[in-house]
Amino acid sequence: YIAMRIAGPDRGLSATGIIGGLVSSTAVVTAMAGRVRESDDLIRPAVFAAVVSSSMMFFRILLEVSVINPSLMGYVAPPMLAMGVTGMALGVLFMRSPSKIDHDIKIQNPFSVKPALIFGALFLAILFLSKAANVYLGRGGVLAAAVISGVADVDAITVSMSLLAAGGSLSSSTAAAAITLAGVSNTIIKGGIAFALGTKMFGKRVGTLFLVIVLTGLVAVGLMGI
């Protein structure tokens, strides 16, 4: 947030995608969709920023897990790294000479109270629903809750699953699968945003790349047997 406030998102798409992805990849994808509607010339750099910012989300998840429950890293790292690295590589394919975007990406001040309260409420709700789903519905219920929760926010479900696994309420494999599915559902939603708010070409390209990223993560989960 501080870096974007000082330098501005128009200092280059690399900074926009990477730093923006650390704050909110959904905000970046939404902003890029709006930019391509204003100018078709921005299609390639816009796709780059959208894909790279979304890829950064997976590295952000890894950081959160490493802080909250390091023992879970062995389960979460393979699918997160697979999706993150794949996304970065695909984004580079669309990178061109340094370009600038003259419009700000609107992000909220992380020091304001409202976002913290919303996250806290969402975190508690997910924690409760995940625990209840595990007790009454088993693994399937937890995974379903993760998919639904990932639509709105991946950070809250990541923290919840990490804490539940650390406390022994969930197995590490179930927690890892839930976190991965949350990331997958969030990525799919952002693909929908690209289609709905951007041009047809932007939505098609971003959607295709997101599909490759999602399939890579699911394959990694399948190979690990989690």
Protein backbone atom coordinates (compact mmCIF):
# COMPACT_ATOMS: atom_id res chain seq x y z
CA TYR A 1 0.00 0.00 0.00
CA ILE A 2 2.77 2.43 0.97
CA ALA A 3 4.78 1.67 -2.19
CA MET A 4 1.75 2.22 -4.42
CA ARG A 5 0.88 5.43 -2.63
CA ILE A 6 4.42 6.78 -3.09
CA ALA A 7 5.24 5.55 -6.59
CA GLY A 8 1.74 5.15 -7.97
CA PRO A 9 0.45 2.17 -9.95
CA ASP A 10 1.40 3.96 -13.18
CA ARG A 11 5.13 3.34 -12.59
CA GLY A 12 5.03 0.14 -14.54
CA LEU A 13 2.89 -2.92 -14.91
CA SER A 14 5.36 -5.10 -13.06
CA ALA A 15 4.91 -3.04 -9.90
CA THR A 16 1.16 -2.84 -10.48
CA GLY A 17 0.82 -6.59 -10.84
CA ILE A 18 3.22 -7.67 -8.10
CA ILE A 19 2.48 -5.02 -5.47
CA GLY A 20 -1.20 -4.86 -6.37
CA GLY A 21 -1.40 -8.63 -6.02
CA LEU A 22 -0.04 -8.38 -2.50
CA VAL A 23 -2.91 -6.04 -1.64
CA SER A 24 -5.82 -7.24 -3.77
CA SER A 25 -5.55 -9.12 -7.04
CA THR A 26 -9.28 -8.66 -7.51
CA ALA A 27 -8.78 -4.88 -7.50
CA VAL A 28 -6.06 -5.21 -10.13
CA VAL A 29 -8.14 -7.45 -12.42
CA THR A 30 -11.11 -5.09 -12.08
CA ALA A 31 -8.95 -2.06 -12.87
CA MET A 32 -7.36 -3.77 -15.90
CA ALA A 33 -10.78 -4.73 -17.23
CA GLY A 34 -11.76 -1.07 -17.12
CA ARG A 35 -8.54 0.01 -18.84
CA VAL A 36 -8.96 -2.29 -21.84
CA ARG A 37 -12.48 -1.00 -22.34
CA GLU A 38 -10.95 2.46 -22.71
CA SER A 39 -8.15 1.36 -25.05
CA ASP A 40 -7.57 -1.91 -26.92
CA ASP A 41 -3.88 -1.00 -27.10
CA LEU A 42 -3.56 -1.97 -23.44
CA ILE A 43 -4.73 -5.55 -23.92
CA ARG A 44 -1.31 -7.21 -23.61
CA PRO A 45 0.01 -5.24 -20.61
CA ALA A 46 -3.41 -5.45 -18.97
CA VAL A 47 -3.44 -9.23 -19.29
CA PHE A 48 0.09 -9.31 -17.89
CA ALA A 49 -0.88 -7.23 -14.85
CA ALA A 50 -4.05 -9.24 -14.23
CA VAL A 51 -2.31 -12.62 -14.40
CA VAL A 52 0.78 -11.60 -12.42
CA SER A 53 -1.28 -9.98 -9.65
CA SER A 54 -3.43 -13.10 -9.37
CA SER A 55 -0.30 -15.27 -9.26
CA MET A 56 1.03 -13.19 -6.37
CA MET A 57 -2.03 -14.27 -4.38
CA PHE A 58 -0.66 -17.81 -4.16
CA PHE A 59 2.66 -16.58 -2.77
CA ARG A 60 0.72 -14.44 -0.28
CA ILE A 61 -1.12 -17.56 0.86
CA LEU A 62 2.20 -19.34 1.37
CA LEU A 63 3.48 -16.48 3.49
CA GLU A 64 0.38 -16.55 5.68
CA VAL A 65 0.59 -20.31 6.19
CA SER A 66 4.32 -20.14 6.98
CA VAL A 67 3.64 -17.65 9.76
CA ILE A 68 0.55 -19.30 11.27
CA ASN A 69 1.23 -23.01 10.84
CA PRO A 70 4.66 -23.86 9.34
CA SER A 71 3.95 -27.60 9.63
CA LEU A 72 1.30 -27.16 6.93
CA MET A 73 3.81 -25.85 4.37
CA GLY A 74 4.69 -29.30 3.07
CA TYR A 75 1.07 -29.79 2.01
CA VAL A 76 0.28 -26.27 0.79
CA ALA A 77 3.53 -25.35 -0.95
CA PRO A 78 3.33 -27.71 -3.98
CA PRO A 79 -0.06 -26.56 -5.33
CA MET A 80 0.56 -22.89 -4.42
CA LEU A 81 3.98 -22.85 -6.05
CA ALA A 82 2.65 -24.72 -9.07
CA MET A 83 -0.10 -22.13 -9.62
CA GLY A 84 2.03 -19.14 -8.71
CA VAL A 85 5.01 -20.03 -10.88
CA THR A 86 2.78 -21.09 -13.78
CA GLY A 87 0.89 -17.82 -13.59
CA MET A 88 4.07 -15.76 -13.51
CA ALA A 89 5.44 -17.62 -16.53
CA LEU A 90 2.21 -17.14 -18.48
CA GLY A 91 2.11 -13.45 -17.55
CA VAL A 92 5.62 -12.93 -18.89
CA LEU A 93 4.49 -14.30 -22.26
CA PHE A 94 2.22 -11.27 -22.58
CA MET A 95 4.74 -8.74 -21.32
CA ARG A 96 5.91 -6.08 -23.74
CA SER A 97 8.08 -2.99 -23.49
CA PRO A 98 7.54 -0.92 -20.31
CA SER A 99 4.08 0.59 -20.34
CA LYS A 100 2.18 2.86 -18.02
CA ILE A 101 -1.41 3.09 -16.90
CA ASP A 102 -2.58 6.59 -16.12
CA HIS A 103 -5.41 5.53 -13.82
CA ASP A 104 -5.15 4.63 -10.17
CA ILE A 105 -6.10 1.26 -8.82
CA LYS A 106 -8.35 2.02 -5.89
CA ILE A 107 -7.22 0.18 -2.79
CA GLN A 108 -8.25 0.77 0.77
CA ASN A 109 -5.90 2.01 3.45
CA PRO A 110 -4.90 -1.11 5.42
CA PHE A 111 -4.72 1.00 8.58
CA SER A 112 -8.39 1.96 8.43
CA VAL A 113 -10.81 0.27 10.82
CA LYS A 114 -13.55 -0.82 8.43
CA PRO A 115 -11.52 -3.36 6.37
CA ALA A 116 -10.13 -4.85 9.60
CA LEU A 117 -13.61 -5.26 11.08
CA ILE A 118 -14.92 -6.84 7.87
CA PHE A 119 -12.00 -9.27 7.77
CA GLY A 120 -12.48 -10.10 11.45
CA ALA A 121 -16.18 -10.82 10.98
CA LEU A 122 -15.51 -12.90 7.88
CA PHE A 123 -12.73 -14.79 9.64
CA LEU A 124 -14.95 -15.68 12.60
CA ALA A 125 -17.81 -16.74 10.33
CA ILE A 126 -15.54 -18.98 8.26
CA LEU A 127 -13.92 -20.44 11.38
CA PHE A 128 -17.35 -21.32 12.80
CA LEU A 129 -18.75 -22.70 9.54
CA SER A 130 -15.62 -24.72 8.82
CA LYS A 131 -15.63 -26.27 12.28
CA ALA A 132 -19.35 -27.05 12.04
CA ALA A 133 -18.95 -28.45 8.53
CA ASN A 134 -16.14 -30.71 9.70
CA VAL A 135 -18.17 -32.01 12.66
CA TYR A 136 -21.45 -32.60 10.85
CA LEU A 137 -20.44 -33.07 7.21
CA GLY A 138 -16.84 -34.24 7.41
CA ARG A 139 -14.13 -33.46 4.88
CA GLY A 140 -16.63 -32.79 2.10
CA GLY A 141 -18.35 -30.10 4.13
CA VAL A 142 -15.07 -28.32 4.86
CA LEU A 143 -14.07 -28.36 1.20
CA ALA A 144 -17.47 -27.03 0.13
CA ALA A 145 -17.20 -24.23 2.69
CA ALA A 146 -13.72 -23.40 1.38
CA VAL A 147 -14.95 -23.11 -2.20
CA ILE A 148 -17.76 -20.77 -1.15
CA SER A 149 -15.52 -18.72 1.14
CA GLY A 150 -12.84 -18.38 -1.54
CA VAL A 151 -15.29 -16.51 -3.73
CA ALA A 152 -15.14 -13.57 -1.34
CA ASP A 153 -11.73 -13.81 0.32
CA VAL A 154 -8.79 -16.23 0.38
CA ASP A 155 -6.98 -14.72 3.34
CA ALA A 156 -9.69 -15.44 5.90
CA ILE A 157 -10.08 -19.07 4.83
CA THR A 158 -6.29 -19.51 4.76
CA VAL A 159 -5.95 -18.23 8.32
CA SER A 160 -8.93 -20.31 9.50
CA MET A 161 -7.70 -23.55 7.97
CA SER A 162 -4.16 -23.01 9.25
CA LEU A 163 -5.39 -22.45 12.79
CA LEU A 164 -7.77 -25.41 12.75
CA ALA A 165 -5.01 -27.70 11.47
CA ALA A 166 -2.58 -26.36 14.07
CA GLY A 167 -5.08 -27.10 16.82
CA GLY A 168 -5.74 -30.62 15.58
CA SER A 169 -9.36 -29.93 14.59
CA LEU A 170 -8.55 -30.66 10.95
CA SER A 171 -6.02 -32.90 9.27
CA SER A 172 -3.22 -31.15 7.42
CA SER A 173 -4.31 -32.72 4.13
CA THR A 174 -7.88 -31.45 4.49
CA ALA A 175 -6.69 -27.96 5.44
CA ALA A 176 -4.33 -27.86 2.47
CA ALA A 177 -7.02 -29.06 0.07
CA ALA A 178 -9.43 -26.43 1.43
CA ILE A 179 -6.90 -23.62 1.02
CA THR A 180 -6.12 -24.74 -2.51
CA LEU A 181 -9.80 -24.93 -3.48
CA ALA A 182 -10.36 -21.46 -2.02
CA GLY A 183 -7.57 -20.13 -4.23
CA VAL A 184 -9.05 -21.93 -7.22
CA SER A 185 -12.57 -20.57 -6.67
CA ASN A 186 -11.20 -17.04 -6.17
CA THR A 187 -9.27 -17.31 -9.43
CA ILE A 188 -12.37 -18.50 -11.29
CA ILE A 189 -14.36 -15.55 -9.94
CA LYS A 190 -11.68 -13.13 -11.14
CA GLY A 191 -11.91 -14.76 -14.56
CA GLY A 192 -15.61 -13.99 -14.49
CA ILE A 193 -14.83 -10.38 -13.58
CA ALA A 194 -12.49 -10.14 -16.57
CA PHE A 195 -15.27 -11.36 -18.88
CA ALA A 196 -18.00 -9.21 -17.33
CA LEU A 197 -16.13 -5.93 -16.96
CA GLY A 198 -13.52 -6.10 -19.70
CA THR A 199 -13.64 -6.64 -23.45
CA LYS A 200 -14.35 -10.02 -25.00
CA MET A 201 -10.70 -10.44 -25.99
CA PHE A 202 -9.47 -9.49 -22.52
CA GLY A 203 -11.89 -11.90 -20.86
CA LYS A 204 -10.95 -14.70 -23.25
CA ARG A 205 -7.20 -14.32 -22.73
CA VAL A 206 -7.34 -13.87 -18.98
CA GLY A 207 -9.89 -16.67 -18.64
CA THR A 208 -7.75 -19.06 -20.67
CA LEU A 209 -4.63 -18.33 -18.62
CA PHE A 210 -6.56 -18.62 -15.37
CA LEU A 211 -7.90 -21.98 -16.51
CA VAL A 212 -4.34 -23.24 -17.07
CA ILE A 213 -3.35 -21.98 -13.61
CA VAL A 214 -6.33 -23.68 -11.96
CA LEU A 215 -5.72 -26.98 -13.73
CA THR A 216 -2.07 -26.88 -12.69
CA GLY A 217 -3.07 -26.50 -9.04
CA LEU A 218 -5.65 -29.28 -9.21
CA VAL A 219 -3.15 -31.62 -10.84
CA ALA A 220 -0.63 -30.85 -8.08
CA VAL A 221 -3.25 -31.65 -5.45
CA GLY A 222 -4.14 -34.88 -7.23
CA LEU A 223 -0.52 -35.99 -7.48
CA MET A 224 -0.04 -35.35 -3.77
CA GLY A 225 -3.16 -37.31 -2.94
CA ILE A 226 -4.60 -34.63 -0.67
